[in-house]
């Protein structure tokens, strides 16, 4: 269960990073 929770949290963090990068791209355009 801890392994799954870790994977989910990593996935959420990964998505958060992608979202922040997309926001920067939008602002630069």
PDB file of N, CA and C in Angstrom:
ATOM      1  N   UNK A   1       0.852  -1.199   0.000  1.00  0.00           N
ATOM      2  CA  UNK A   1       0.000   0.000   0.000  1.00  0.00           C
ATOM      3  C   UNK A   1       0.885   1.245   0.000  1.00  0.00           C
ATOM      4  N   UNK A   2       1.952   1.229   0.768  1.00  0.00           N
ATOM      5  CA  UNK A   2       2.857   2.377   0.803  1.00  0.00           C
ATOM      6  C   UNK A   2       3.491   2.594  -0.565  1.00  0.00           C
ATOM      7  N   UNK A   3       3.807   1.494  -1.242  1.00  0.00           N
ATOM      8  CA  UNK A   3       4.406   1.602  -2.579  1.00  0.00           C
ATOM      9  C   UNK A   3       3.433   2.294  -3.532  1.00  0.00           C
ATOM     10  N   UNK A   4       2.181   1.868  -3.504  1.00  0.00           N
ATOM     11  CA  UNK A   4       1.168   2.445  -4.385  1.00  0.00           C
ATOM     12  C   UNK A   4       0.970   3.927  -4.068  1.00  0.00           C
ATOM     13  N   UNK A   5       0.925   4.238  -2.770  1.00  0.00           N
ATOM     14  CA  UNK A   5       0.738   5.629  -2.357  1.00  0.00           C
ATOM     15  C   UNK A   5       1.905   6.480  -2.832  1.00  0.00           C
ATOM     16  N   UNK A   6       3.112   5.913  -2.757  1.00  0.00           N
ATOM     17  CA  UNK A   6       4.303   6.642  -3.209  1.00  0.00           C
ATOM     18  C   UNK A   6       4.215   6.910  -4.707  1.00  0.00           C
ATOM     19  N   UNK A   7       3.796   5.899  -5.455  1.00  0.00           N
ATOM     20  CA  UNK A   7       3.669   6.059  -6.911  1.00  0.00           C
ATOM     21  C   UNK A   7       2.634   7.130  -7.229  1.00  0.00           C
ATOM     22  N   UNK A   8       1.517   7.103  -6.525  1.00  0.00           N
ATOM     23  CA  UNK A   8       0.464   8.086  -6.781  1.00  0.00           C
ATOM     24  C   UNK A   8       0.959   9.491  -6.457  1.00  0.00           C
ATOM     25  N   UNK A   9       1.662   9.654  -5.348  1.00  0.00           N
ATOM     26  CA  UNK A   9       2.154  10.979  -4.974  1.00  0.00           C
ATOM     27  C   UNK A   9       3.190  11.458  -5.984  1.00  0.00           C
ATOM     28  N   UNK A  10       4.036  10.534  -6.469  1.00  0.00           N
ATOM     29  CA  UNK A  10       5.027  10.900  -7.479  1.00  0.00           C
ATOM     30  C   UNK A  10       4.324  11.323  -8.764  1.00  0.00           C
ATOM     31  N   UNK A  11       3.253  10.622  -9.108  1.00  0.00           N
ATOM     32  CA  UNK A  11       2.504  10.939 -10.321  1.00  0.00           C
ATOM     33  C   UNK A  11       1.871  12.319 -10.193  1.00  0.00           C
ATOM     34  N   UNK A  12       1.335  12.623  -9.020  1.00  0.00           N
ATOM     35  CA  UNK A  12       0.723  13.932  -8.804  1.00  0.00           C
ATOM     36  C   UNK A  12       1.773  15.026  -8.889  1.00  0.00           C
ATOM     37  N   UNK A  13       2.947  14.763  -8.318  1.00  0.00           N
ATOM     38  CA  UNK A  13       4.027  15.743  -8.368  1.00  0.00           C
ATOM     39  C   UNK A  13       4.476  15.937  -9.806  1.00  0.00           C
ATOM     40  N   UNK A  14       4.551  14.848 -10.554  1.00  0.00           N
ATOM     41  CA  UNK A  14       4.948  14.897 -11.963  1.00  0.00           C
ATOM     42  C   UNK A  14       3.958  15.741 -12.753  1.00  0.00           C
ATOM     43  N   UNK A  15       2.668  15.514 -12.513  1.00  0.00           N
ATOM     44  CA  UNK A  15       1.643  16.292 -13.204  1.00  0.00           C
ATOM     45  C   UNK A  15       1.718  17.762 -12.809  1.00  0.00           C
ATOM     46  N   UNK A  16       2.005  18.035 -11.549  1.00  0.00           N
ATOM     47  CA  UNK A  16       2.110  19.414 -11.085  1.00  0.00           C
ATOM     48  C   UNK A  16       3.255  20.124 -11.792  1.00  0.00           C
ATOM     49  N   UNK A  17       4.362  19.415 -11.976  1.00  0.00           N
ATOM     50  CA  UNK A  17       5.512  19.991 -12.681  1.00  0.00           C
ATOM     51  C   UNK A  17       5.137  20.280 -14.129  1.00  0.00           C
ATOM     52  N   UNK A  18       4.473  19.331 -14.775  1.00  0.00           N
ATOM     53  CA  UNK A  18       4.059  19.537 -16.167  1.00  0.00           C
ATOM     54  C   UNK A  18       3.126  20.729 -16.270  1.00  0.00           C
ATOM     55  N   UNK A  19       2.198  20.851 -15.332  1.00  0.00           N
ATOM     56  CA  UNK A  19       1.257  21.970 -15.351  1.00  0.00           C
ATOM     57  C   UNK A  19       1.984  23.292 -15.185  1.00  0.00           C
ATOM     58  N   UNK A  20       2.954  23.355 -14.295  1.00  0.00           N
ATOM     59  CA  UNK A  20       3.701  24.590 -14.076  1.00  0.00           C
ATOM     60  C   UNK A  20       4.496  24.953 -15.324  1.00  0.00           C
ATOM     61  N   UNK A  21       5.051  23.936 -15.998  1.00  0.00           N
ATOM     62  CA  UNK A  21       5.802  24.185 -17.231  1.00  0.00           C
ATOM     63  C   UNK A  21       4.863  24.732 -18.303  1.00  0.00           C
ATOM     64  N   UNK A  22       3.677  24.164 -18.409  1.00  0.00           N
ATOM     65  CA  UNK A  22       2.699  24.636 -19.393  1.00  0.00           C
ATOM     66  C   UNK A  22       2.319  26.081 -19.101  1.00  0.00           C
ATOM     67  N   UNK A  23       2.166  26.431 -17.835  1.00  0.00           N
ATOM     68  CA  UNK A  23       1.823  27.803 -17.461  1.00  0.00           C
ATOM     69  C   UNK A  23       2.924  28.759 -17.896  1.00  0.00           C
ATOM     70  N   UNK A  24       4.170  28.358 -17.731  1.00  0.00           N
ATOM     71  CA  UNK A  24       5.301  29.202 -18.128  1.00  0.00           C
ATOM     72  C   UNK A  24       5.295  29.390 -19.638  1.00  0.00           C
ATOM     73  N   UNK A  25       5.019  28.302 -20.378  1.00  0.00           N
ATOM     74  CA  UNK A  25       4.972  28.386 -21.840  1.00  0.00           C
ATOM     75  C   UNK A  25       3.885  29.364 -22.272  1.00  0.00           C
ATOM     76  N   UNK A  26       2.728  29.284 -21.625  1.00  0.00           N
ATOM     77  CA  UNK A  26       1.607  30.165 -21.970  1.00  0.00           C
ATOM     78  C   UNK A  26       1.984  31.619 -21.680  1.00  0.00           C
ATOM     79  N   UNK A  27       2.614  31.870 -20.555  1.00  0.00           N
ATOM     80  CA  UNK A  27       2.997  33.229 -20.185  1.00  0.00           C
ATOM     81  C   UNK A  27       4.041  33.776 -21.147  1.00  0.00           C
ATOM     82  N   UNK A  28       4.953  32.921 -21.609  1.00  0.00           N
ATOM     83  CA  UNK A  28       5.993  33.366 -22.531  1.00  0.00           C
ATOM     84  C   UNK A  28       5.406  33.698 -23.893  1.00  0.00           C
ATOM     85  N   UNK A  29       4.314  33.041 -24.255  1.00  0.00           N
ATOM     86  CA  UNK A  29       3.662  33.340 -25.529  1.00  0.00           C
ATOM     87  C   UNK A  29       2.775  34.544 -25.317  1.00  0.00           C
TER      88      UNK A  29
END
